[in-house]
Amino acid sequence: MTIYIIKIVWFFLPMGFANMAPIFVKKINILNIPIDFNKKIVGEPILGADKTIRGLLSATISGGAILLL
């Protein structure tokens, strides 16, 4: 039973790190550009105001790094 819990945690570990990565790089102002490039539909941003290229890259890199471990 314990081995299954360890496998489940190991499976979800990269996703957890990828989800936390944008919070840790929030102070870095490099690539602080919205993913949708400020395009709007009916006056609202397409993906929301807080979705940036910085967050996308940091999540992808950290999730990939943990996956490779």
N, C-alpha and C. Protein backbone atom coordinates (compact mmCIF):
# COMPACT_ATOMS: atom_id res chain seq x y z
N MET A 1 0.82 -1.20 0.00
CA MET A 1 0.00 0.00 0.00
C MET A 1 0.86 1.26 0.00
N THR A 2 1.93 1.24 0.76
CA THR A 2 2.81 2.41 0.85
C THR A 2 3.49 2.69 -0.48
N ILE A 3 3.84 1.64 -1.20
CA ILE A 3 4.52 1.83 -2.48
C ILE A 3 3.61 2.54 -3.48
N TYR A 4 2.31 2.30 -3.41
CA TYR A 4 1.37 2.98 -4.31
C TYR A 4 1.28 4.46 -3.99
N ILE A 5 1.32 4.79 -2.72
CA ILE A 5 1.28 6.20 -2.32
C ILE A 5 2.54 6.91 -2.80
N ILE A 6 3.68 6.26 -2.68
CA ILE A 6 4.93 6.85 -3.15
C ILE A 6 4.90 7.04 -4.66
N LYS A 7 4.36 6.08 -5.40
CA LYS A 7 4.26 6.22 -6.85
C LYS A 7 3.33 7.35 -7.25
N ILE A 8 2.24 7.52 -6.52
CA ILE A 8 1.30 8.60 -6.82
C ILE A 8 1.95 9.95 -6.56
N VAL A 9 2.64 10.08 -5.44
CA VAL A 9 3.32 11.34 -5.13
C VAL A 9 4.40 11.63 -6.16
N TRP A 10 5.15 10.61 -6.56
CA TRP A 10 6.20 10.78 -7.56
C TRP A 10 5.61 11.20 -8.92
N PHE A 11 4.43 10.68 -9.24
CA PHE A 11 3.77 11.03 -10.50
C PHE A 11 3.34 12.49 -10.51
N PHE A 12 2.82 12.98 -9.38
CA PHE A 12 2.29 14.34 -9.31
C PHE A 12 3.34 15.38 -8.92
N LEU A 13 4.53 14.98 -8.55
CA LEU A 13 5.57 15.91 -8.12
C LEU A 13 5.94 16.95 -9.18
N PRO A 14 6.18 16.59 -10.45
CA PRO A 14 6.49 17.61 -11.45
C PRO A 14 5.36 18.63 -11.63
N MET A 15 4.13 18.18 -11.54
CA MET A 15 3.01 19.11 -11.69
C MET A 15 2.94 20.08 -10.52
N GLY A 16 3.25 19.60 -9.34
CA GLY A 16 3.25 20.47 -8.17
C GLY A 16 4.33 21.54 -8.26
N PHE A 17 5.53 21.15 -8.68
CA PHE A 17 6.60 22.12 -8.84
C PHE A 17 6.28 23.11 -9.96
N ALA A 18 5.71 22.63 -11.05
CA ALA A 18 5.35 23.51 -12.15
C ALA A 18 4.28 24.51 -11.73
N ASN A 19 3.41 24.11 -10.86
CA ASN A 19 2.35 25.00 -10.38
C ASN A 19 2.90 26.07 -9.44
N MET A 20 3.95 25.76 -8.68
CA MET A 20 4.52 26.72 -7.74
C MET A 20 5.59 27.61 -8.36
N ALA A 21 6.16 27.24 -9.47
CA ALA A 21 7.29 27.97 -10.05
C ALA A 21 6.98 29.44 -10.36
N PRO A 22 5.84 29.79 -10.97
CA PRO A 22 5.59 31.20 -11.26
C PRO A 22 5.55 32.08 -10.01
N ILE A 23 5.19 31.53 -8.89
CA ILE A 23 5.16 32.31 -7.65
C ILE A 23 6.57 32.68 -7.23
N PHE A 24 7.52 31.76 -7.39
CA PHE A 24 8.89 32.02 -6.97
C PHE A 24 9.63 32.98 -7.89
N VAL A 25 9.23 33.09 -9.14
CA VAL A 25 9.91 33.99 -10.08
C VAL A 25 9.11 35.28 -10.30
N LYS A 26 8.16 35.55 -9.44
CA LYS A 26 7.29 36.73 -9.61
C LYS A 26 8.08 38.04 -9.55
N LYS A 27 9.14 38.09 -8.76
CA LYS A 27 9.93 39.32 -8.61
C LYS A 27 10.80 39.62 -9.83
N ILE A 28 11.04 38.61 -10.66
CA ILE A 28 11.86 38.81 -11.86
C ILE A 28 10.98 39.44 -12.94
N ASN A 29 11.38 40.61 -13.42
CA ASN A 29 10.56 41.34 -14.38
C ASN A 29 10.90 41.03 -15.83
N ILE A 30 11.75 40.06 -16.04
CA ILE A 30 12.07 39.67 -17.41
C ILE A 30 10.92 38.85 -17.97
N LEU A 31 10.54 39.09 -19.18
CA LEU A 31 9.46 38.38 -19.87
C LEU A 31 8.12 38.52 -19.16
N ASN A 32 7.89 39.66 -18.55
CA ASN A 32 6.62 39.92 -17.89
C ASN A 32 5.60 40.41 -18.93
N ILE A 33 5.40 39.61 -19.95
CA ILE A 33 4.53 39.95 -21.07
C ILE A 33 3.34 39.00 -21.04
N PRO A 34 2.11 39.52 -21.15
CA PRO A 34 0.96 38.62 -21.16
C PRO A 34 1.02 37.63 -22.33
N ILE A 35 0.58 36.41 -22.09
CA ILE A 35 0.61 35.38 -23.13
C ILE A 35 -0.28 35.77 -24.31
N ASP A 36 -1.41 36.41 -24.03
CA ASP A 36 -2.32 36.78 -25.11
C ASP A 36 -1.97 38.14 -25.73
N PHE A 37 -0.83 38.73 -25.34
CA PHE A 37 -0.35 40.01 -25.86
C PHE A 37 -1.41 41.11 -25.76
N ASN A 38 -2.14 41.13 -24.65
CA ASN A 38 -3.18 42.12 -24.32
C ASN A 38 -4.34 42.14 -25.31
N LYS A 39 -4.56 41.07 -26.02
CA LYS A 39 -5.74 40.98 -26.88
C LYS A 39 -6.96 40.77 -26.01
N LYS A 40 -8.08 41.34 -26.41
CA LYS A 40 -9.30 41.26 -25.60
C LYS A 40 -10.47 40.77 -26.42
N ILE A 41 -11.37 40.06 -25.73
CA ILE A 41 -12.64 39.64 -26.31
C ILE A 41 -13.72 40.21 -25.42
N VAL A 42 -14.57 41.03 -25.97
CA VAL A 42 -15.66 41.70 -25.25
C VAL A 42 -15.10 42.45 -24.04
N GLY A 43 -13.96 43.11 -24.21
CA GLY A 43 -13.38 43.93 -23.17
C GLY A 43 -12.62 43.18 -22.09
N GLU A 44 -12.56 41.85 -22.16
CA GLU A 44 -11.86 41.04 -21.17
C GLU A 44 -10.64 40.39 -21.82
N PRO A 45 -9.53 40.28 -21.07
CA PRO A 45 -8.37 39.58 -21.62
C PRO A 45 -8.72 38.12 -21.94
N ILE A 46 -8.12 37.59 -22.97
CA ILE A 46 -8.44 36.24 -23.42
C ILE A 46 -8.09 35.21 -22.35
N LEU A 47 -6.89 35.28 -21.79
CA LEU A 47 -6.46 34.29 -20.81
C LEU A 47 -6.41 34.83 -19.39
N GLY A 48 -6.75 36.05 -19.17
CA GLY A 48 -6.68 36.64 -17.84
C GLY A 48 -5.48 37.56 -17.73
N ALA A 49 -5.50 38.41 -16.72
CA ALA A 49 -4.46 39.43 -16.58
C ALA A 49 -3.15 38.88 -16.05
N ASP A 50 -3.16 37.75 -15.38
CA ASP A 50 -1.96 37.27 -14.70
C ASP A 50 -1.22 36.17 -15.43
N LYS A 51 -1.61 35.82 -16.62
CA LYS A 51 -0.93 34.76 -17.37
C LYS A 51 0.17 35.40 -18.22
N THR A 52 1.44 35.14 -17.83
CA THR A 52 2.56 35.76 -18.52
C THR A 52 3.48 34.71 -19.12
N ILE A 53 4.33 35.17 -20.03
CA ILE A 53 5.32 34.30 -20.65
C ILE A 53 6.32 33.84 -19.58
N ARG A 54 6.64 34.70 -18.63
CA ARG A 54 7.54 34.35 -17.53
C ARG A 54 7.00 33.15 -16.75
N GLY A 55 5.72 33.16 -16.44
CA GLY A 55 5.11 32.06 -15.71
C GLY A 55 5.07 30.78 -16.51
N LEU A 56 4.76 30.91 -17.79
CA LEU A 56 4.73 29.73 -18.67
C LEU A 56 6.10 29.08 -18.76
N LEU A 57 7.13 29.89 -18.98
CA LEU A 57 8.48 29.34 -19.11
C LEU A 57 8.99 28.76 -17.80
N SER A 58 8.74 29.45 -16.69
CA SER A 58 9.22 28.93 -15.40
C SER A 58 8.52 27.62 -15.03
N ALA A 59 7.23 27.52 -15.32
CA ALA A 59 6.50 26.28 -15.03
C ALA A 59 7.00 25.15 -15.92
N THR A 60 7.23 25.43 -17.18
CA THR A 60 7.69 24.40 -18.10
C THR A 60 9.09 23.91 -17.73
N ILE A 61 9.97 24.84 -17.42
CA ILE A 61 11.35 24.47 -17.09
C ILE A 61 11.41 23.71 -15.77
N SER A 62 10.72 24.20 -14.74
CA SER A 62 10.79 23.51 -13.44
C SER A 62 10.10 22.14 -13.49
N GLY A 63 8.97 22.04 -14.15
CA GLY A 63 8.31 20.74 -14.29
C GLY A 63 9.15 19.75 -15.06
N GLY A 64 9.78 20.21 -16.11
CA GLY A 64 10.66 19.35 -16.90
C GLY A 64 11.89 18.91 -16.13
N ALA A 65 12.45 19.82 -15.34
CA ALA A 65 13.64 19.49 -14.55
C ALA A 65 13.31 18.43 -13.49
N ILE A 66 12.19 18.58 -12.83
CA ILE A 66 11.80 17.60 -11.82
C ILE A 66 11.48 16.27 -12.49
N LEU A 67 10.87 16.30 -13.66
CA LEU A 67 10.57 15.08 -14.38
C LEU A 67 11.84 14.32 -14.74
N LEU A 68 12.89 15.05 -15.14
CA LEU A 68 14.14 14.40 -15.50
C LEU A 68 14.85 13.79 -14.30
N LEU A 69 14.60 14.33 -13.12
CA LEU A 69 15.22 13.75 -11.92
C LEU A 69 14.64 12.37 -11.68
